[in-house]
Amino acid sequence: MTNGTHGTRTAGTLTPRPGLTSSPGQQQVTSVPRWRLRALPGPIIWGAAWGVIQAISPLGFWWLEPKTVYALGLALIAAVYIGFSVADGRWKVIAVESAVAGLFVVIAAVSVSGSAWLLVLGLAGHGLKDVWQHRSQFVRNTNWWPPFCATVDWVAAGLITIAMLKGVPFHG
């Protein structure tokens, strides 16, 4: 096997993964591994598609005010991490994710009778939470979900913002 530094074969040594060092004097590389960059386009493309669906979702629930539909969507996507935290199994993670989801549910509830801008802030804030999750891996085994969900959140927030600025009413 090669030892990863000289291109020679040495019995019993392992080749280090890219980004890691094999000797004490080398500087560690902190860039994102290429496999992670290649893995992102799929979740981002699907996230953009679902973000558009999220933005037009009030059309499917014509009997409800658009703010109510968006608020239900925000509460739903915030609660998904509770399921991931339960799958993770650590009590601290379950507690933190439940509290964070609860915060987004409160934002969603207040937005129903308040400003639709709260929905935009809630979606954008949830997207930032997704980016933090992707970088920290606080909840285990969610590699593909945070880029997908952040894209859904930001596409929906952007389209809702455009609609509000164009004068689309968000009440009955």
N, C-alpha and C. Protein backbone atom coordinates (compact mmCIF):
# COMPACT_ATOMS: atom_id res chain seq x y z
N MET A 1 0.85 -1.19 0.00
CA MET A 1 0.00 0.00 0.00
C MET A 1 0.88 1.24 0.00
N THR A 2 0.35 2.31 -0.53
CA THR A 2 1.13 3.55 -0.48
C THR A 2 0.83 4.26 0.82
N ASN A 3 1.80 5.01 1.28
CA ASN A 3 1.59 5.73 2.53
C ASN A 3 1.01 7.12 2.30
N GLY A 4 0.76 7.50 1.06
CA GLY A 4 0.08 8.76 0.76
C GLY A 4 0.99 9.95 0.66
N THR A 5 2.28 9.79 0.95
CA THR A 5 3.15 10.96 0.88
C THR A 5 4.28 10.79 -0.13
N HIS A 6 4.79 9.58 -0.33
CA HIS A 6 5.94 9.40 -1.19
C HIS A 6 5.64 8.55 -2.42
N GLY A 7 4.46 7.94 -2.48
CA GLY A 7 4.13 7.10 -3.61
C GLY A 7 4.84 5.76 -3.56
N THR A 8 5.36 5.37 -2.42
CA THR A 8 6.03 4.09 -2.29
C THR A 8 5.13 3.11 -1.57
N ARG A 9 5.40 1.84 -1.75
CA ARG A 9 4.60 0.82 -1.07
C ARG A 9 5.27 0.48 0.25
N THR A 10 4.44 0.50 1.31
CA THR A 10 4.92 0.14 2.62
C THR A 10 3.91 -0.82 3.23
N ALA A 11 4.37 -1.95 3.64
CA ALA A 11 3.47 -2.94 4.21
C ALA A 11 2.90 -2.44 5.53
N GLY A 12 1.58 -2.61 5.70
CA GLY A 12 0.94 -2.31 6.97
C GLY A 12 0.55 -0.87 7.18
N THR A 13 0.80 0.04 6.23
CA THR A 13 0.39 1.43 6.42
C THR A 13 -0.86 1.70 5.60
N LEU A 14 -1.61 2.66 6.03
CA LEU A 14 -2.83 3.04 5.34
C LEU A 14 -2.65 4.37 4.64
N THR A 15 -3.33 4.54 3.54
CA THR A 15 -3.31 5.80 2.83
C THR A 15 -4.26 6.77 3.52
N PRO A 16 -3.78 7.94 3.92
CA PRO A 16 -4.67 8.89 4.59
C PRO A 16 -5.72 9.43 3.62
N ARG A 17 -6.88 9.79 4.16
CA ARG A 17 -7.92 10.41 3.34
C ARG A 17 -7.46 11.79 2.93
N PRO A 18 -7.96 12.30 1.78
CA PRO A 18 -7.62 13.66 1.37
C PRO A 18 -8.02 14.65 2.46
N GLY A 19 -7.16 15.63 2.70
CA GLY A 19 -7.44 16.63 3.71
C GLY A 19 -6.81 16.32 5.05
N LEU A 20 -6.33 15.10 5.24
CA LEU A 20 -5.69 14.74 6.49
C LEU A 20 -4.18 14.67 6.27
N THR A 21 -3.42 14.80 7.34
CA THR A 21 -1.96 14.75 7.21
C THR A 21 -1.46 13.38 7.62
N SER A 22 -0.29 13.02 7.10
CA SER A 22 0.28 11.73 7.46
C SER A 22 1.56 11.86 8.27
N SER A 23 2.06 13.07 8.42
CA SER A 23 3.24 13.26 9.26
C SER A 23 3.08 14.55 10.05
N PRO A 24 3.75 14.64 11.20
CA PRO A 24 3.55 15.77 12.11
C PRO A 24 3.87 17.14 11.52
N GLY A 25 4.78 17.25 10.57
CA GLY A 25 5.18 18.54 10.04
C GLY A 25 4.25 19.10 8.97
N GLN A 26 3.33 18.30 8.47
CA GLN A 26 2.46 18.77 7.40
C GLN A 26 1.30 19.59 7.95
N GLN A 27 0.85 20.56 7.14
CA GLN A 27 -0.28 21.38 7.54
C GLN A 27 -1.57 20.71 7.09
N GLN A 28 -2.57 20.70 7.96
CA GLN A 28 -3.84 20.06 7.64
C GLN A 28 -4.63 20.90 6.65
N VAL A 29 -5.24 20.26 5.66
CA VAL A 29 -6.08 20.92 4.68
C VAL A 29 -7.50 20.92 5.22
N THR A 30 -8.15 22.09 5.22
CA THR A 30 -9.48 22.19 5.81
C THR A 30 -10.56 22.41 4.76
N SER A 31 -10.28 22.18 3.50
CA SER A 31 -11.29 22.40 2.48
C SER A 31 -12.33 21.28 2.51
N VAL A 32 -13.47 21.54 1.88
CA VAL A 32 -14.56 20.57 1.81
C VAL A 32 -14.14 19.45 0.86
N PRO A 33 -14.28 18.19 1.27
CA PRO A 33 -13.91 17.10 0.37
C PRO A 33 -14.72 17.16 -0.93
N ARG A 34 -14.09 16.74 -2.03
CA ARG A 34 -14.74 16.80 -3.34
C ARG A 34 -16.03 15.99 -3.38
N TRP A 35 -16.08 14.85 -2.71
CA TRP A 35 -17.30 14.03 -2.76
C TRP A 35 -18.48 14.77 -2.18
N ARG A 36 -18.24 15.65 -1.21
CA ARG A 36 -19.35 16.41 -0.63
C ARG A 36 -19.84 17.48 -1.59
N LEU A 37 -18.90 18.10 -2.35
CA LEU A 37 -19.31 19.10 -3.32
C LEU A 37 -20.11 18.47 -4.45
N ARG A 38 -19.69 17.28 -4.90
CA ARG A 38 -20.41 16.60 -5.96
C ARG A 38 -21.76 16.10 -5.49
N ALA A 39 -21.91 15.84 -4.21
CA ALA A 39 -23.17 15.31 -3.68
C ALA A 39 -24.23 16.39 -3.53
N LEU A 40 -23.85 17.66 -3.56
CA LEU A 40 -24.80 18.73 -3.30
C LEU A 40 -25.75 19.07 -4.44
N PRO A 41 -25.39 18.99 -5.71
CA PRO A 41 -26.32 19.43 -6.76
C PRO A 41 -27.68 18.75 -6.73
N GLY A 42 -27.74 17.46 -6.47
CA GLY A 42 -29.04 16.77 -6.42
C GLY A 42 -29.97 17.35 -5.37
N PRO A 43 -29.53 17.41 -4.10
CA PRO A 43 -30.41 18.01 -3.08
C PRO A 43 -30.76 19.47 -3.37
N ILE A 44 -29.85 20.21 -3.97
CA ILE A 44 -30.14 21.62 -4.25
C ILE A 44 -31.15 21.75 -5.38
N ILE A 45 -31.02 20.92 -6.42
CA ILE A 45 -31.99 20.96 -7.51
C ILE A 45 -33.38 20.58 -7.01
N TRP A 46 -33.45 19.48 -6.26
CA TRP A 46 -34.74 19.06 -5.70
C TRP A 46 -35.27 20.08 -4.71
N GLY A 47 -34.37 20.70 -3.95
CA GLY A 47 -34.80 21.74 -3.01
C GLY A 47 -35.40 22.94 -3.73
N ALA A 48 -34.82 23.32 -4.86
CA ALA A 48 -35.37 24.44 -5.64
C ALA A 48 -36.76 24.09 -6.16
N ALA A 49 -36.93 22.86 -6.63
CA ALA A 49 -38.24 22.43 -7.12
C ALA A 49 -39.28 22.46 -6.00
N TRP A 50 -38.92 21.94 -4.84
CA TRP A 50 -39.85 21.94 -3.71
C TRP A 50 -40.06 23.35 -3.16
N GLY A 51 -39.06 24.23 -3.30
CA GLY A 51 -39.25 25.62 -2.89
C GLY A 51 -40.31 26.31 -3.74
N VAL A 52 -40.31 26.02 -5.03
CA VAL A 52 -41.35 26.57 -5.91
C VAL A 52 -42.71 26.00 -5.51
N ILE A 53 -42.76 24.70 -5.24
CA ILE A 53 -44.02 24.08 -4.81
C ILE A 53 -44.50 24.71 -3.51
N GLN A 54 -43.58 24.94 -2.58
CA GLN A 54 -43.93 25.59 -1.32
C GLN A 54 -44.50 26.98 -1.58
N ALA A 55 -43.89 27.72 -2.50
CA ALA A 55 -44.34 29.09 -2.78
C ALA A 55 -45.72 29.13 -3.42
N ILE A 56 -46.06 28.13 -4.23
CA ILE A 56 -47.37 28.13 -4.88
C ILE A 56 -48.40 27.28 -4.13
N SER A 57 -48.02 26.72 -2.99
CA SER A 57 -48.90 25.83 -2.24
C SER A 57 -50.26 26.42 -1.87
N PRO A 58 -50.40 27.74 -1.64
CA PRO A 58 -51.74 28.26 -1.35
C PRO A 58 -52.74 28.02 -2.47
N LEU A 59 -52.28 27.82 -3.69
CA LEU A 59 -53.20 27.54 -4.79
C LEU A 59 -53.92 26.21 -4.57
N GLY A 60 -53.27 25.28 -3.93
CA GLY A 60 -53.88 23.98 -3.65
C GLY A 60 -54.81 23.99 -2.45
N PHE A 61 -54.73 25.04 -1.67
CA PHE A 61 -55.58 25.18 -0.48
C PHE A 61 -56.33 26.51 -0.58
N TRP A 62 -57.07 26.71 -1.66
CA TRP A 62 -57.70 27.98 -1.98
C TRP A 62 -58.66 28.46 -0.91
N TRP A 63 -59.18 27.57 -0.07
CA TRP A 63 -60.13 27.96 0.96
C TRP A 63 -59.45 28.53 2.20
N LEU A 64 -58.11 28.45 2.26
CA LEU A 64 -57.36 29.02 3.38
C LEU A 64 -56.62 30.27 2.93
N GLU A 65 -56.40 31.16 3.88
CA GLU A 65 -55.58 32.33 3.56
C GLU A 65 -54.16 31.88 3.26
N PRO A 66 -53.49 32.51 2.30
CA PRO A 66 -52.11 32.11 1.98
C PRO A 66 -51.18 32.14 3.20
N LYS A 67 -51.34 33.14 4.09
CA LYS A 67 -50.48 33.18 5.28
C LYS A 67 -50.65 31.94 6.13
N THR A 68 -51.87 31.42 6.21
CA THR A 68 -52.13 30.22 6.99
C THR A 68 -51.42 29.02 6.36
N VAL A 69 -51.49 28.91 5.04
CA VAL A 69 -50.84 27.80 4.34
C VAL A 69 -49.32 27.87 4.53
N TYR A 70 -48.76 29.05 4.38
CA TYR A 70 -47.31 29.20 4.57
C TYR A 70 -46.91 28.92 6.01
N ALA A 71 -47.74 29.34 6.95
CA ALA A 71 -47.44 29.09 8.37
C ALA A 71 -47.46 27.59 8.66
N LEU A 72 -48.43 26.88 8.11
CA LEU A 72 -48.46 25.42 8.27
C LEU A 72 -47.21 24.77 7.67
N GLY A 73 -46.79 25.27 6.52
CA GLY A 73 -45.58 24.74 5.89
C GLY A 73 -44.34 24.99 6.72
N LEU A 74 -44.22 26.19 7.28
CA LEU A 74 -43.07 26.51 8.13
C LEU A 74 -43.03 25.61 9.35
N ALA A 75 -44.19 25.40 9.98
CA ALA A 75 -44.24 24.52 11.15
C ALA A 75 -43.88 23.08 10.77
N LEU A 76 -44.33 22.64 9.62
CA LEU A 76 -44.05 21.27 9.17
C LEU A 76 -42.56 21.07 8.91
N ILE A 77 -41.95 21.98 8.16
CA ILE A 77 -40.53 21.78 7.84
C ILE A 77 -39.65 21.94 9.08
N ALA A 78 -40.07 22.77 10.02
CA ALA A 78 -39.30 22.91 11.26
C ALA A 78 -39.36 21.62 12.08
N ALA A 79 -40.51 20.96 12.04
CA ALA A 79 -40.69 19.75 12.85
C ALA A 79 -39.96 18.53 12.29
N VAL A 80 -39.54 18.58 11.04
CA VAL A 80 -38.85 17.42 10.45
C VAL A 80 -37.59 17.07 11.24
N TYR A 81 -36.89 18.10 11.73
CA TYR A 81 -35.67 17.83 12.50
C TYR A 81 -35.95 17.10 13.81
N ILE A 82 -37.17 17.20 14.33
CA ILE A 82 -37.49 16.41 15.52
C ILE A 82 -37.39 14.93 15.18
N GLY A 83 -37.92 14.56 14.03
CA GLY A 83 -37.80 13.17 13.59
C GLY A 83 -36.36 12.73 13.41
N PHE A 84 -35.55 13.59 12.80
CA PHE A 84 -34.13 13.28 12.64
C PHE A 84 -33.44 13.15 13.99
N SER A 85 -33.82 14.01 14.95
CA SER A 85 -33.17 13.95 16.27
C SER A 85 -33.56 12.68 17.01
N VAL A 86 -34.80 12.24 16.85
CA VAL A 86 -35.21 10.98 17.47
C VAL A 86 -34.43 9.83 16.86
N ALA A 87 -34.23 9.86 15.53
CA ALA A 87 -33.43 8.83 14.88
C ALA A 87 -31.98 8.88 15.36
N ASP A 88 -31.47 10.08 15.65
CA ASP A 88 -30.12 10.24 16.17
C ASP A 88 -30.03 9.57 17.54
N GLY A 89 -31.04 9.79 18.39
CA GLY A 89 -31.13 9.09 19.66
C GLY A 89 -30.54 9.76 20.88
N ARG A 90 -29.80 10.85 20.70
CA ARG A 90 -29.22 11.53 21.85
C ARG A 90 -30.24 12.49 22.45
N TRP A 91 -30.43 12.43 23.77
CA TRP A 91 -31.44 13.24 24.44
C TRP A 91 -31.17 14.73 24.28
N LYS A 92 -29.93 15.14 24.32
CA LYS A 92 -29.59 16.56 24.17
C LYS A 92 -30.03 17.05 22.78
N VAL A 93 -29.79 16.26 21.77
CA VAL A 93 -30.16 16.63 20.40
C VAL A 93 -31.68 16.71 20.28
N ILE A 94 -32.38 15.75 20.86
CA ILE A 94 -33.85 15.76 20.81
C ILE A 94 -34.39 17.02 21.50
N ALA A 95 -33.84 17.36 22.65
CA ALA A 95 -34.29 18.55 23.38
C ALA A 95 -34.04 19.83 22.60
N VAL A 96 -32.83 19.97 22.06
CA VAL A 96 -32.48 21.19 21.31
C VAL A 96 -33.34 21.32 20.06
N GLU A 97 -33.47 20.24 19.30
CA GLU A 97 -34.24 20.30 18.05
C GLU A 97 -35.72 20.53 18.32
N SER A 98 -36.24 19.98 19.41
CA SER A 98 -37.64 20.22 19.76
C SER A 98 -37.85 21.69 20.13
N ALA A 99 -36.93 22.25 20.88
CA ALA A 99 -37.03 23.67 21.26
C ALA A 99 -36.94 24.57 20.03
N VAL A 100 -36.02 24.28 19.13
CA VAL A 100 -35.86 25.09 17.92
C VAL A 100 -37.12 24.98 17.05
N ALA A 101 -37.64 23.77 16.90
CA ALA A 101 -38.87 23.58 16.12
C ALA A 101 -40.02 24.35 16.78
N GLY A 102 -40.08 24.33 18.09
CA GLY A 102 -41.11 25.08 18.81
C GLY A 102 -41.03 26.57 18.53
N LEU A 103 -39.81 27.10 18.44
CA LEU A 103 -39.62 28.52 18.11
C LEU A 103 -40.19 28.83 16.73
N PHE A 104 -39.92 27.97 15.76
CA PHE A 104 -40.44 28.20 14.42
C PHE A 104 -41.97 28.05 14.37
N VAL A 105 -42.53 27.17 15.18
CA VAL A 105 -43.99 27.04 15.26
C VAL A 105 -44.59 28.33 15.83
N VAL A 106 -43.95 28.92 16.82
CA VAL A 106 -44.44 30.19 17.39
C VAL A 106 -44.37 31.29 16.33
N ILE A 107 -43.27 31.37 15.60
CA ILE A 107 -43.15 32.37 14.53
C ILE A 107 -44.27 32.17 13.50
N ALA A 108 -44.51 30.92 13.12
CA ALA A 108 -45.56 30.61 12.16
C ALA A 108 -46.93 31.03 12.70
N ALA A 109 -47.21 30.72 13.97
CA ALA A 109 -48.50 31.05 14.56
C ALA A 109 -48.72 32.56 14.63
N VAL A 110 -47.69 33.29 15.03
CA VAL A 110 -47.81 34.75 15.12
C VAL A 110 -48.02 35.36 13.74
N SER A 111 -47.41 34.77 12.73
CA SER A 111 -47.52 35.32 11.37
C SER A 111 -48.94 35.20 10.81
N VAL A 112 -49.73 34.24 11.30
CA VAL A 112 -51.09 34.07 10.78
C VAL A 112 -51.92 35.33 11.02
N SER A 113 -51.79 35.93 12.19
CA SER A 113 -52.54 37.15 12.47
C SER A 113 -51.66 38.40 12.37
N GLY A 114 -50.37 38.20 12.12
CA GLY A 114 -49.45 39.33 12.01
C GLY A 114 -49.00 39.55 10.57
N SER A 115 -47.81 40.03 10.44
CA SER A 115 -47.26 40.37 9.14
C SER A 115 -46.77 39.12 8.39
N ALA A 116 -47.00 39.11 7.10
CA ALA A 116 -46.48 38.01 6.26
C ALA A 116 -44.96 38.05 6.19
N TRP A 117 -44.36 39.17 6.54
CA TRP A 117 -42.90 39.26 6.55
C TRP A 117 -42.31 38.32 7.61
N LEU A 118 -43.09 38.01 8.64
CA LEU A 118 -42.63 37.03 9.63
C LEU A 118 -42.41 35.66 8.99
N LEU A 119 -43.24 35.31 8.02
CA LEU A 119 -43.06 34.04 7.31
C LEU A 119 -41.76 34.04 6.52
N VAL A 120 -41.49 35.15 5.86
CA VAL A 120 -40.24 35.26 5.10
C VAL A 120 -39.05 35.15 6.04
N LEU A 121 -39.12 35.87 7.17
CA LEU A 121 -38.03 35.80 8.15
C LEU A 121 -37.91 34.39 8.73
N GLY A 122 -39.04 33.74 8.98
CA GLY A 122 -39.02 32.38 9.50
C GLY A 122 -38.39 31.41 8.52
N LEU A 123 -38.77 31.50 7.25
CA LEU A 123 -38.18 30.62 6.24
C LEU A 123 -36.69 30.89 6.05
N ALA A 124 -36.33 32.17 5.96
CA ALA A 124 -34.92 32.51 5.81
C ALA A 124 -34.12 32.07 7.03
N GLY A 125 -34.68 32.27 8.22
CA GLY A 125 -34.01 31.84 9.45
C GLY A 125 -33.85 30.33 9.51
N HIS A 126 -34.87 29.61 9.06
CA HIS A 126 -34.77 28.15 9.05
C HIS A 126 -33.69 27.71 8.05
N GLY A 127 -33.56 28.42 6.94
CA GLY A 127 -32.49 28.12 5.99
C GLY A 127 -31.12 28.32 6.63
N LEU A 128 -30.96 29.36 7.43
CA LEU A 128 -29.69 29.57 8.14
C LEU A 128 -29.45 28.45 9.15
N LYS A 129 -30.50 28.00 9.80
CA LYS A 129 -30.38 26.87 10.74
C LYS A 129 -29.92 25.62 9.98
N ASP A 130 -30.44 25.43 8.76
CA ASP A 130 -30.03 24.29 7.93
C ASP A 130 -28.54 24.37 7.57
N VAL A 131 -28.07 25.57 7.25
CA VAL A 131 -26.64 25.73 6.93
C VAL A 131 -25.80 25.39 8.15
N TRP A 132 -26.21 25.87 9.32
CA TRP A 132 -25.50 25.53 10.55
C TRP A 132 -25.49 24.02 10.76
N GLN A 133 -26.64 23.39 10.55
CA GLN A 133 -26.72 21.93 10.71
C GLN A 133 -25.78 21.23 9.74
N HIS A 134 -25.72 21.69 8.51
CA HIS A 134 -24.86 21.06 7.51
C HIS A 134 -23.39 21.16 7.91
N ARG A 135 -23.01 22.32 8.44
CA ARG A 135 -21.61 22.52 8.82
C ARG A 135 -21.25 21.79 10.12
N SER A 136 -22.19 21.76 11.07
CA SER A 136 -21.87 21.19 12.38
C SER A 136 -22.20 19.70 12.50
N GLN A 137 -23.13 19.23 11.68
CA GLN A 137 -23.64 17.85 11.79
C GLN A 137 -24.12 17.56 13.21
N PHE A 138 -24.80 18.55 13.82
CA PHE A 138 -25.33 18.41 15.18
C PHE A 138 -26.23 17.18 15.27
N VAL A 139 -27.13 17.04 14.29
CA VAL A 139 -27.96 15.84 14.20
C VAL A 139 -27.27 14.91 13.22
N ARG A 140 -26.97 13.71 13.66
CA ARG A 140 -26.23 12.76 12.83
C ARG A 140 -27.06 12.26 11.64
N ASN A 141 -26.34 11.86 10.60
CA ASN A 141 -26.92 11.21 9.42
C ASN A 141 -27.92 12.08 8.67
N THR A 142 -27.60 13.36 8.54
CA THR A 142 -28.46 14.27 7.78
C THR A 142 -27.68 14.95 6.66
N ASN A 143 -26.72 14.28 6.09
CA ASN A 143 -25.83 14.92 5.11
C ASN A 143 -26.56 15.59 3.96
N TRP A 144 -27.54 14.94 3.38
CA TRP A 144 -28.22 15.48 2.21
C TRP A 144 -29.36 16.43 2.57
N TRP A 145 -29.92 16.28 3.77
CA TRP A 145 -31.12 17.05 4.12
C TRP A 145 -30.88 18.55 4.26
N PRO A 146 -29.88 19.03 5.00
CA PRO A 146 -29.73 20.47 5.17
C PRO A 146 -29.58 21.27 3.88
N PRO A 147 -28.77 20.81 2.89
CA PRO A 147 -28.73 21.60 1.64
C PRO A 147 -30.08 21.62 0.93
N PHE A 148 -30.77 20.47 0.95
CA PHE A 148 -32.11 20.40 0.35
C PHE A 148 -33.05 21.37 1.04
N CYS A 149 -33.12 21.29 2.35
CA CYS A 149 -34.09 22.09 3.11
C CYS A 149 -33.75 23.58 3.05
N ALA A 150 -32.48 23.92 3.13
CA ALA A 150 -32.10 25.34 3.03
C ALA A 150 -32.52 25.91 1.68
N THR A 151 -32.36 25.12 0.64
CA THR A 151 -32.76 25.58 -0.70
C THR A 151 -34.27 25.76 -0.77
N VAL A 152 -35.03 24.79 -0.23
CA VAL A 152 -36.50 24.93 -0.18
C VAL A 152 -36.86 26.23 0.53
N ASP A 153 -36.28 26.44 1.71
CA ASP A 153 -36.59 27.61 2.52
C ASP A 153 -36.30 28.90 1.78
N TRP A 154 -35.10 29.01 1.20
CA TRP A 154 -34.69 30.26 0.57
C TRP A 154 -35.41 30.52 -0.74
N VAL A 155 -35.68 29.49 -1.51
CA VAL A 155 -36.45 29.68 -2.75
C VAL A 155 -37.86 30.14 -2.40
N ALA A 156 -38.50 29.47 -1.46
CA ALA A 156 -39.85 29.87 -1.06
C ALA A 156 -39.85 31.29 -0.49
N ALA A 157 -38.89 31.60 0.39
CA ALA A 157 -38.82 32.95 0.97
C ALA A 157 -38.62 34.00 -0.11
N GLY A 158 -37.78 33.69 -1.08
CA GLY A 158 -37.54 34.64 -2.18
C GLY A 158 -38.77 34.86 -3.03
N LEU A 159 -39.47 33.78 -3.37
CA LEU A 159 -40.66 33.92 -4.20
C LEU A 159 -41.80 34.61 -3.44
N ILE A 160 -41.93 34.33 -2.16
CA ILE A 160 -42.94 35.00 -1.35
C ILE A 160 -42.62 36.49 -1.24
N THR A 161 -41.35 36.81 -1.07
CA THR A 161 -40.93 38.22 -1.02
C THR A 161 -41.28 38.94 -2.31
N ILE A 162 -40.98 38.31 -3.44
CA ILE A 162 -41.30 38.92 -4.74
C ILE A 162 -42.81 39.13 -4.86
N ALA A 163 -43.59 38.13 -4.46
CA ALA A 163 -45.05 38.26 -4.53
C ALA A 163 -45.54 39.42 -3.66
N MET A 164 -45.01 39.54 -2.45
CA MET A 164 -45.44 40.62 -1.56
C MET A 164 -45.06 41.98 -2.14
N LEU A 165 -43.86 42.07 -2.70
CA LEU A 165 -43.43 43.34 -3.28
C LEU A 165 -44.24 43.70 -4.53
N LYS A 166 -44.78 42.71 -5.20
CA LYS A 166 -45.62 42.94 -6.39
C LYS A 166 -47.07 43.24 -6.00
N GLY A 167 -47.39 43.13 -4.71
CA GLY A 167 -48.71 43.49 -4.25
C GLY A 167 -49.70 42.34 -4.15
N VAL A 168 -49.23 41.10 -4.20
CA VAL A 168 -50.12 39.95 -4.03
C VAL A 168 -50.66 39.98 -2.59
N PRO A 169 -51.98 39.91 -2.43
CA PRO A 169 -52.55 39.94 -1.07
C PRO A 169 -52.31 38.62 -0.34
N PHE A 170 -52.02 38.70 0.94
CA PHE A 170 -51.77 37.52 1.76
C PHE A 170 -52.83 37.35 2.83
N HIS A 171 -54.01 37.84 2.55
CA HIS A 171 -55.15 37.65 3.44
C HIS A 171 -56.34 37.27 2.59
N GLY A 172 -57.41 36.86 3.22
CA GLY A 172 -58.58 36.34 2.52
C GLY A 172 -59.28 37.31 1.61
